Amino acid sequence: MLAGRPFPDRLVNLGTTYPAIAVLEIDSIATGISAADAMVKKAPIAVLKAGTVHPGHFLILVAGSVAAVEEAHKAGLERAGSWLSDQILLPDVHPQVIGAALGARRGLSAEALAVVECRSVPSLLRAADAAIKATEISISRIRLADDLGGQAFLLLDGLLADVEAADELCREIIPQQFLLQTTVIPRLDTTLQSLLNEGTHFAACAHFQLEGAEIHAAG
């Protein structure tokens, strides 16, 4: 609810899928709000999410038809000007990218995991979309900027050959100024797999005790 009223029509059901998305990451909160306003006034788009993220940026994620998103994207770029940090326009975006960007999670279950970490939300989403279209992997988790000091990361799950190919593709797509690190982990430990399936926040991490772990009694 907003001030006791229902959300407007363009703040939508997060389970809906769309043919295209645009994402703008803007270094100024004031300019970011202004850019979001210009975008929704320009074309009939859905606002999936918009708001502040670390470290003092404003992030805008909109969706809709390809034509509408293109128009809104152009308006947002014009308004953002030199305050723009990074941006993407993804026509024919993969549904898993939208779902994961909005918080959907898939359990880790296959033989390999790739972790892709970068300093740009738009660049990470571009890489995720390319990887899932080019290889037989699943997007297990995407976390975007908040509680990460402005960083973003991606967990990709699948067979080792596919995960390695996806990791290499992500490294090629993400610009060097934004890429932090990637890694491929074959046969992820089952305890760590269970931990990651529960979540990736340290504060919310479940307590697991390895079988056979040495225990020293208090006192």
C-alpha atoms as a PDB file:
ATOM      1  CA  MET A   1       0.000   0.000   0.000  1.00  0.00           C
ATOM      2  CA  LEU A   2       1.102   3.569  -0.681  1.00  0.00           C
ATOM      3  CA  ALA A   3      -0.281   6.068   1.867  1.00  0.00           C
ATOM      4  CA  GLY A   4      -3.299   3.834   2.405  1.00  0.00           C
ATOM      5  CA  ARG A   5      -3.985   3.472  -1.331  1.00  0.00           C
ATOM      6  CA  PRO A   6      -3.419   0.521  -3.686  1.00  0.00           C
ATOM      7  CA  PHE A   7      -0.326   0.585  -5.873  1.00  0.00           C
ATOM      8  CA  PRO A   8      -0.945   2.180  -9.270  1.00  0.00           C
ATOM      9  CA  ASP A   9      -1.454  -0.152 -12.223  1.00  0.00           C
ATOM     10  CA  ARG A  10       2.119   0.232 -13.410  1.00  0.00           C
ATOM     11  CA  LEU A  11       3.547  -1.136 -10.154  1.00  0.00           C
ATOM     12  CA  VAL A  12       2.836  -4.682 -11.174  1.00  0.00           C
ATOM     13  CA  ASN A  13       2.496  -8.290 -10.113  1.00  0.00           C
ATOM     14  CA  LEU A  14       6.083  -9.505  -9.838  1.00  0.00           C
ATOM     15  CA  GLY A  15       5.120 -12.924 -11.246  1.00  0.00           C
ATOM     16  CA  THR A  16       4.341 -11.447 -14.661  1.00  0.00           C
ATOM     17  CA  THR A  17       6.803 -11.960 -17.518  1.00  0.00           C
ATOM     18  CA  TYR A  18       7.636  -9.389 -20.189  1.00  0.00           C
ATOM     19  CA  PRO A  19       9.343  -9.420 -23.597  1.00  0.00           C
ATOM     20  CA  ALA A  20      11.815  -6.643 -22.760  1.00  0.00           C
ATOM     21  CA  ILE A  21      13.461  -4.892 -19.817  1.00  0.00           C
ATOM     22  CA  ALA A  22      15.636  -1.830 -19.338  1.00  0.00           C
ATOM     23  CA  VAL A  23      17.849  -1.111 -16.341  1.00  0.00           C
ATOM     24  CA  LEU A  24      19.502   2.201 -15.516  1.00  0.00           C
ATOM     25  CA  GLU A  25      21.985   2.642 -12.667  1.00  0.00           C
ATOM     26  CA  ILE A  26      22.443   6.335 -11.881  1.00  0.00           C
ATOM     27  CA  ASP A  27      25.049   7.919  -9.598  1.00  0.00           C
ATOM     28  CA  SER A  28      22.655  10.623  -8.325  1.00  0.00           C
ATOM     29  CA  ILE A  29      19.477   9.826  -6.387  1.00  0.00           C
ATOM     30  CA  ALA A  30      17.836  13.103  -7.432  1.00  0.00           C
ATOM     31  CA  THR A  31      18.654  12.500 -11.088  1.00  0.00           C
ATOM     32  CA  GLY A  32      17.548   8.882 -10.773  1.00  0.00           C
ATOM     33  CA  ILE A  33      14.089   9.817  -9.535  1.00  0.00           C
ATOM     34  CA  SER A  34      13.806  12.389 -12.314  1.00  0.00           C
ATOM     35  CA  ALA A  35      14.868   9.797 -14.913  1.00  0.00           C
ATOM     36  CA  ALA A  36      12.304   7.290 -13.626  1.00  0.00           C
ATOM     37  CA  ASP A  37       9.630   9.972 -13.901  1.00  0.00           C
ATOM     38  CA  ALA A  38      10.632  10.708 -17.493  1.00  0.00           C
ATOM     39  CA  MET A  39      10.518   7.011 -18.373  1.00  0.00           C
ATOM     40  CA  VAL A  40       7.027   6.308 -17.057  1.00  0.00           C
ATOM     41  CA  LYS A  41       5.684   9.479 -18.669  1.00  0.00           C
ATOM     42  CA  LYS A  42       7.206   8.565 -22.038  1.00  0.00           C
ATOM     43  CA  ALA A  43       5.784   5.074 -22.614  1.00  0.00           C
ATOM     44  CA  PRO A  44       3.323   2.500 -21.170  1.00  0.00           C
ATOM     45  CA  ILE A  45       5.887   0.456 -19.246  1.00  0.00           C
ATOM     46  CA  ALA A  46       5.730  -1.524 -16.013  1.00  0.00           C
ATOM     47  CA  VAL A  47       7.959  -0.407 -13.147  1.00  0.00           C
ATOM     48  CA  LEU A  48       9.305  -3.641 -11.705  1.00  0.00           C
ATOM     49  CA  LYS A  49      11.549  -1.922  -9.174  1.00  0.00           C
ATOM     50  CA  ALA A  50      13.043   1.520  -8.642  1.00  0.00           C
ATOM     51  CA  GLY A  51      14.892   2.914  -5.658  1.00  0.00           C
ATOM     52  CA  THR A  52      18.141   3.641  -3.885  1.00  0.00           C
ATOM     53  CA  VAL A  53      20.928   1.077  -3.672  1.00  0.00           C
ATOM     54  CA  HIS A  54      24.459   1.129  -2.299  1.00  0.00           C
ATOM     55  CA  PRO A  55      26.559   3.226  -2.577  1.00  0.00           C
ATOM     56  CA  GLY A  56      24.077   6.077  -2.989  1.00  0.00           C
ATOM     57  CA  HIS A  57      22.950   5.130  -6.504  1.00  0.00           C
ATOM     58  CA  PHE A  58      19.420   4.998  -7.912  1.00  0.00           C
ATOM     59  CA  LEU A  59      18.438   1.822  -9.772  1.00  0.00           C
ATOM     60  CA  ILE A  60      15.530   1.624 -12.234  1.00  0.00           C
ATOM     61  CA  LEU A  61      14.170  -1.670 -13.624  1.00  0.00           C
ATOM     62  CA  VAL A  62      11.278  -1.386 -16.087  1.00  0.00           C
ATOM     63  CA  ALA A  63       9.606  -3.856 -18.443  1.00  0.00           C
ATOM     64  CA  GLY A  64       7.038  -4.087 -21.201  1.00  0.00           C
ATOM     65  CA  SER A  65       6.795  -4.423 -24.957  1.00  0.00           C
ATOM     66  CA  VAL A  66      10.007  -3.925 -26.903  1.00  0.00           C
ATOM     67  CA  ALA A  67       8.773  -0.672 -28.452  1.00  0.00           C
ATOM     68  CA  ALA A  68       7.600   0.808 -25.144  1.00  0.00           C
ATOM     69  CA  VAL A  69      10.768  -0.159 -23.289  1.00  0.00           C
ATOM     70  CA  GLU A  70      12.935   1.288 -26.064  1.00  0.00           C
ATOM     71  CA  GLU A  71      11.111   4.626 -25.811  1.00  0.00           C
ATOM     72  CA  ALA A  72      11.330   4.701 -22.015  1.00  0.00           C
ATOM     73  CA  HIS A  73      14.986   3.665 -22.087  1.00  0.00           C
ATOM     74  CA  LYS A  74      15.830   6.533 -24.439  1.00  0.00           C
ATOM     75  CA  ALA A  75      13.991   9.026 -22.220  1.00  0.00           C
ATOM     76  CA  GLY A  76      15.804   7.744 -19.138  1.00  0.00           C
ATOM     77  CA  LEU A  77      19.211   8.048 -20.784  1.00  0.00           C
ATOM     78  CA  GLU A  78      18.504  11.609 -21.871  1.00  0.00           C
ATOM     79  CA  ARG A  79      17.423  12.626 -18.379  1.00  0.00           C
ATOM     80  CA  ALA A  80      20.292  10.812 -16.617  1.00  0.00           C
ATOM     81  CA  GLY A  81      22.950  12.460 -18.772  1.00  0.00           C
ATOM     82  CA  SER A  82      26.427  12.414 -17.253  1.00  0.00           C
ATOM     83  CA  TRP A  83      25.083  10.911 -14.014  1.00  0.00           C
ATOM     84  CA  LEU A  84      24.533   7.556 -15.736  1.00  0.00           C
ATOM     85  CA  SER A  85      26.755   4.808 -14.312  1.00  0.00           C
ATOM     86  CA  ASP A  86      25.618   1.921 -16.544  1.00  0.00           C
ATOM     87  CA  GLN A  87      22.555   0.762 -18.462  1.00  0.00           C
ATOM     88  CA  ILE A  88      21.061  -2.094 -20.479  1.00  0.00           C
ATOM     89  CA  LEU A  89      18.179  -2.638 -22.863  1.00  0.00           C
ATOM     90  CA  LEU A  90      17.297  -6.330 -23.216  1.00  0.00           C
ATOM     91  CA  PRO A  91      14.678  -7.188 -25.845  1.00  0.00           C
ATOM     92  CA  ASP A  92      13.601 -10.847 -25.685  1.00  0.00           C
ATOM     93  CA  VAL A  93      14.925 -11.098 -22.132  1.00  0.00           C
ATOM     94  CA  HIS A  94      14.985 -14.600 -20.627  1.00  0.00           C
ATOM     95  CA  PRO A  95      12.238 -15.082 -17.978  1.00  0.00           C
ATOM     96  CA  GLN A  96      14.749 -16.420 -15.424  1.00  0.00           C
ATOM     97  CA  VAL A  97      16.621 -13.113 -15.554  1.00  0.00           C
ATOM     98  CA  ILE A  98      13.511 -11.147 -14.609  1.00  0.00           C
ATOM     99  CA  GLY A  99      12.561 -13.615 -11.889  1.00  0.00           C
ATOM    100  CA  ALA A 100      16.017 -13.728 -10.321  1.00  0.00           C
ATOM    101  CA  ALA A 101      16.404  -9.947 -10.488  1.00  0.00           C
ATOM    102  CA  LEU A 102      13.182  -9.663  -8.497  1.00  0.00           C
ATOM    103  CA  GLY A 103      14.324 -12.167  -5.862  1.00  0.00           C
ATOM    104  CA  ALA A 104      13.293 -15.595  -7.174  1.00  0.00           C
ATOM    105  CA  ARG A 105      15.663 -18.367  -6.107  1.00  0.00           C
ATOM    106  CA  ARG A 106      16.404 -21.812  -7.534  1.00  0.00           C
ATOM    107  CA  GLY A 107      18.071 -24.504  -5.466  1.00  0.00           C
ATOM    108  CA  LEU A 108      21.582 -25.629  -6.347  1.00  0.00           C
ATOM    109  CA  SER A 109      21.418 -29.218  -7.492  1.00  0.00           C
ATOM    110  CA  ALA A 110      23.817 -29.923 -10.335  1.00  0.00           C
ATOM    111  CA  GLU A 111      27.485 -30.777 -10.488  1.00  0.00           C
ATOM    112  CA  ALA A 112      29.002 -27.302 -10.778  1.00  0.00           C
ATOM    113  CA  LEU A 113      28.514 -23.710  -9.635  1.00  0.00           C
ATOM    114  CA  ALA A 114      29.755 -20.455 -11.160  1.00  0.00           C
ATOM    115  CA  VAL A 115      29.903 -17.250  -9.134  1.00  0.00           C
ATOM    116  CA  VAL A 116      30.083 -14.001 -11.120  1.00  0.00           C
ATOM    117  CA  GLU A 117      30.759 -10.767  -9.213  1.00  0.00           C
ATOM    118  CA  CYS A 118      30.856  -7.225 -10.584  1.00  0.00           C
ATOM    119  CA  ARG A 119      30.388  -3.541  -9.763  1.00  0.00           C
ATOM    120  CA  SER A 120      27.431  -2.921 -12.101  1.00  0.00           C
ATOM    121  CA  VAL A 121      23.861  -4.205 -11.875  1.00  0.00           C
ATOM    122  CA  PRO A 122      23.073  -3.631 -15.578  1.00  0.00           C
ATOM    123  CA  SER A 123      26.254  -5.395 -16.730  1.00  0.00           C
ATOM    124  CA  LEU A 124      25.563  -8.369 -14.462  1.00  0.00           C
ATOM    125  CA  LEU A 125      22.026  -8.744 -15.841  1.00  0.00           C
ATOM    126  CA  ARG A 126      23.309  -8.484 -19.422  1.00  0.00           C
ATOM    127  CA  ALA A 127      25.778 -11.287 -18.706  1.00  0.00           C
ATOM    128  CA  ALA A 128      23.121 -13.425 -17.008  1.00  0.00           C
ATOM    129  CA  ASP A 129      20.797 -13.087 -19.997  1.00  0.00           C
ATOM    130  CA  ALA A 130      23.534 -14.019 -22.460  1.00  0.00           C
ATOM    131  CA  ALA A 131      24.726 -16.975 -20.366  1.00  0.00           C
ATOM    132  CA  ILE A 132      21.333 -18.601 -19.917  1.00  0.00           C
ATOM    133  CA  LYS A 133      20.521 -18.203 -23.617  1.00  0.00           C
ATOM    134  CA  ALA A 134      23.829 -19.673 -24.789  1.00  0.00           C
ATOM    135  CA  THR A 135      24.255 -22.567 -22.342  1.00  0.00           C
ATOM    136  CA  GLU A 136      22.196 -25.164 -20.459  1.00  0.00           C
ATOM    137  CA  ILE A 137      22.509 -23.549 -17.032  1.00  0.00           C
ATOM    138  CA  SER A 138      20.030 -22.213 -14.478  1.00  0.00           C
ATOM    139  CA  ILE A 139      20.191 -18.934 -12.596  1.00  0.00           C
ATOM    140  CA  SER A 140      20.144 -19.908  -8.945  1.00  0.00           C
ATOM    141  CA  ARG A 141      20.434 -16.443  -7.415  1.00  0.00           C
ATOM    142  CA  ILE A 142      21.022 -12.807  -8.324  1.00  0.00           C
ATOM    143  CA  ARG A 143      21.757 -10.157  -5.708  1.00  0.00           C
ATOM    144  CA  LEU A 144      21.852  -6.535  -6.722  1.00  0.00           C
ATOM    145  CA  ALA A 145      23.781  -3.789  -4.900  1.00  0.00           C
ATOM    146  CA  ASP A 146      21.866  -3.606  -1.592  1.00  0.00           C
ATOM    147  CA  ASP A 147      23.879  -4.859   1.413  1.00  0.00           C
ATOM    148  CA  LEU A 148      26.801  -5.446  -0.952  1.00  0.00           C
ATOM    149  CA  GLY A 149      28.378  -1.999  -1.064  1.00  0.00           C
ATOM    150  CA  GLY A 150      27.077  -1.520  -4.584  1.00  0.00           C
ATOM    151  CA  GLN A 151      28.405  -4.812  -5.925  1.00  0.00           C
ATOM    152  CA  ALA A 152      26.234  -7.463  -7.567  1.00  0.00           C
ATOM    153  CA  PHE A 153      26.684 -11.199  -7.975  1.00  0.00           C
ATOM    154  CA  LEU A 154      25.196 -14.133  -9.802  1.00  0.00           C
ATOM    155  CA  LEU A 155      25.089 -17.876  -9.046  1.00  0.00           C
ATOM    156  CA  LEU A 156      24.861 -20.171 -12.084  1.00  0.00           C
ATOM    157  CA  ASP A 157      24.087 -23.875 -11.676  1.00  0.00           C
ATOM    158  CA  GLY A 158      24.536 -26.712 -14.161  1.00  0.00           C
ATOM    159  CA  LEU A 159      26.800 -29.341 -15.643  1.00  0.00           C
ATOM    160  CA  LEU A 160      30.493 -28.507 -15.454  1.00  0.00           C
ATOM    161  CA  ALA A 161      31.014 -27.906 -19.186  1.00  0.00           C
ATOM    162  CA  ASP A 162      27.996 -25.585 -19.357  1.00  0.00           C
ATOM    163  CA  VAL A 163      28.987 -23.708 -16.205  1.00  0.00           C
ATOM    164  CA  GLU A 164      32.526 -23.202 -17.496  1.00  0.00           C
ATOM    165  CA  ALA A 165      31.173 -21.904 -20.814  1.00  0.00           C
ATOM    166  CA  ALA A 166      28.766 -19.558 -19.011  1.00  0.00           C
ATOM    167  CA  ASP A 167      31.549 -18.270 -16.771  1.00  0.00           C
ATOM    168  CA  GLU A 168      33.784 -17.547 -19.772  1.00  0.00           C
ATOM    169  CA  LEU A 169      30.927 -15.774 -21.560  1.00  0.00           C
ATOM    170  CA  CYS A 170      30.231 -13.588 -18.523  1.00  0.00           C
ATOM    171  CA  ARG A 171      33.896 -12.603 -18.346  1.00  0.00           C
ATOM    172  CA  GLU A 172      33.775 -11.579 -22.009  1.00  0.00           C
ATOM    173  CA  ILE A 173      30.547  -9.569 -21.693  1.00  0.00           C
ATOM    174  CA  ILE A 174      31.115  -7.639 -18.461  1.00  0.00           C
ATOM    175  CA  PRO A 175      33.353  -4.592 -19.102  1.00  0.00           C
ATOM    176  CA  GLN A 176      36.713  -4.790 -17.358  1.00  0.00           C
ATOM    177  CA  GLN A 177      36.033  -1.673 -15.291  1.00  0.00           C
ATOM    178  CA  PHE A 178      33.041  -3.444 -13.724  1.00  0.00           C
ATOM    179  CA  LEU A 179      34.231  -7.062 -13.517  1.00  0.00           C
ATOM    180  CA  LEU A 180      35.467  -8.068 -10.057  1.00  0.00           C
ATOM    181  CA  GLN A 181      35.872 -11.840 -10.055  1.00  0.00           C
ATOM    182  CA  THR A 182      34.395 -15.094 -11.304  1.00  0.00           C
ATOM    183  CA  THR A 183      34.979 -18.651 -10.185  1.00  0.00           C
ATOM    184  CA  VAL A 184      33.804 -22.138 -11.138  1.00  0.00           C
ATOM    185  CA  ILE A 185      33.399 -24.709  -8.365  1.00  0.00           C
ATOM    186  CA  PRO A 186      32.993 -28.353  -9.445  1.00  0.00           C
ATOM    187  CA  ARG A 187      31.114 -30.664  -7.068  1.00  0.00           C
ATOM    188  CA  LEU A 188      30.191 -28.023  -4.497  1.00  0.00           C
ATOM    189  CA  ASP A 189      30.294 -29.415  -0.959  1.00  0.00           C
ATOM    190  CA  THR A 190      26.804 -30.567   0.035  1.00  0.00           C
ATOM    191  CA  THR A 191      26.847 -28.661   3.330  1.00  0.00           C
ATOM    192  CA  LEU A 192      27.792 -25.425   1.582  1.00  0.00           C
ATOM    193  CA  GLN A 193      25.157 -26.180  -1.068  1.00  0.00           C
ATOM    194  CA  SER A 194      22.533 -26.406   1.682  1.00  0.00           C
ATOM    195  CA  LEU A 195      23.754 -23.139   3.207  1.00  0.00           C
ATOM    196  CA  LEU A 196      23.570 -21.302  -0.117  1.00  0.00           C
ATOM    197  CA  ASN A 197      20.135 -22.736  -0.831  1.00  0.00           C
ATOM    198  CA  GLU A 198      18.952 -21.176   2.433  1.00  0.00           C
ATOM    199  CA  GLY A 199      20.388 -17.778   1.487  1.00  0.00           C
ATOM    200  CA  THR A 200      23.601 -15.848   0.958  1.00  0.00           C
ATOM    201  CA  HIS A 201      23.373 -13.285   3.799  1.00  0.00           C
ATOM    202  CA  PHE A 202      25.819 -13.991   6.638  1.00  0.00           C
ATOM    203  CA  ALA A 203      23.412 -12.673   9.295  1.00  0.00           C
ATOM    204  CA  ALA A 204      20.631 -15.007   8.139  1.00  0.00           C
ATOM    205  CA  CYS A 205      22.852 -18.051   7.605  1.00  0.00           C
ATOM    206  CA  ALA A 206      21.588 -21.286   9.138  1.00  0.00           C
ATOM    207  CA  HIS A 207      23.909 -23.162  11.516  1.00  0.00           C
ATOM    208  CA  PHE A 208      25.234 -26.428  10.124  1.00  0.00           C
ATOM    209  CA  GLN A 209      27.564 -28.851  11.849  1.00  0.00           C
ATOM    210  CA  LEU A 210      29.634 -31.108   9.643  1.00  0.00           C
ATOM    211  CA  GLU A 211      29.391 -34.802  10.380  1.00  0.00           C
ATOM    212  CA  GLY A 212      32.550 -35.856  12.183  1.00  0.00           C
ATOM    213  CA  ALA A 213      33.508 -32.298  13.124  1.00  0.00           C
ATOM    214  CA  GLU A 214      35.642 -31.999  16.247  1.00  0.00           C
ATOM    215  CA  ILE A 215      33.651 -30.569  19.165  1.00  0.00           C
ATOM    216  CA  HIS A 216      35.152 -29.265  22.403  1.00  0.00           C
ATOM    217  CA  ALA A 217      32.732 -29.122  25.311  1.00  0.00           C
ATOM    218  CA  ALA A 218      32.559 -25.876  27.276  1.00  0.00           C
ATOM    219  CA  GLY A 219      34.008 -25.829  30.774  1.00  0.00           C
END
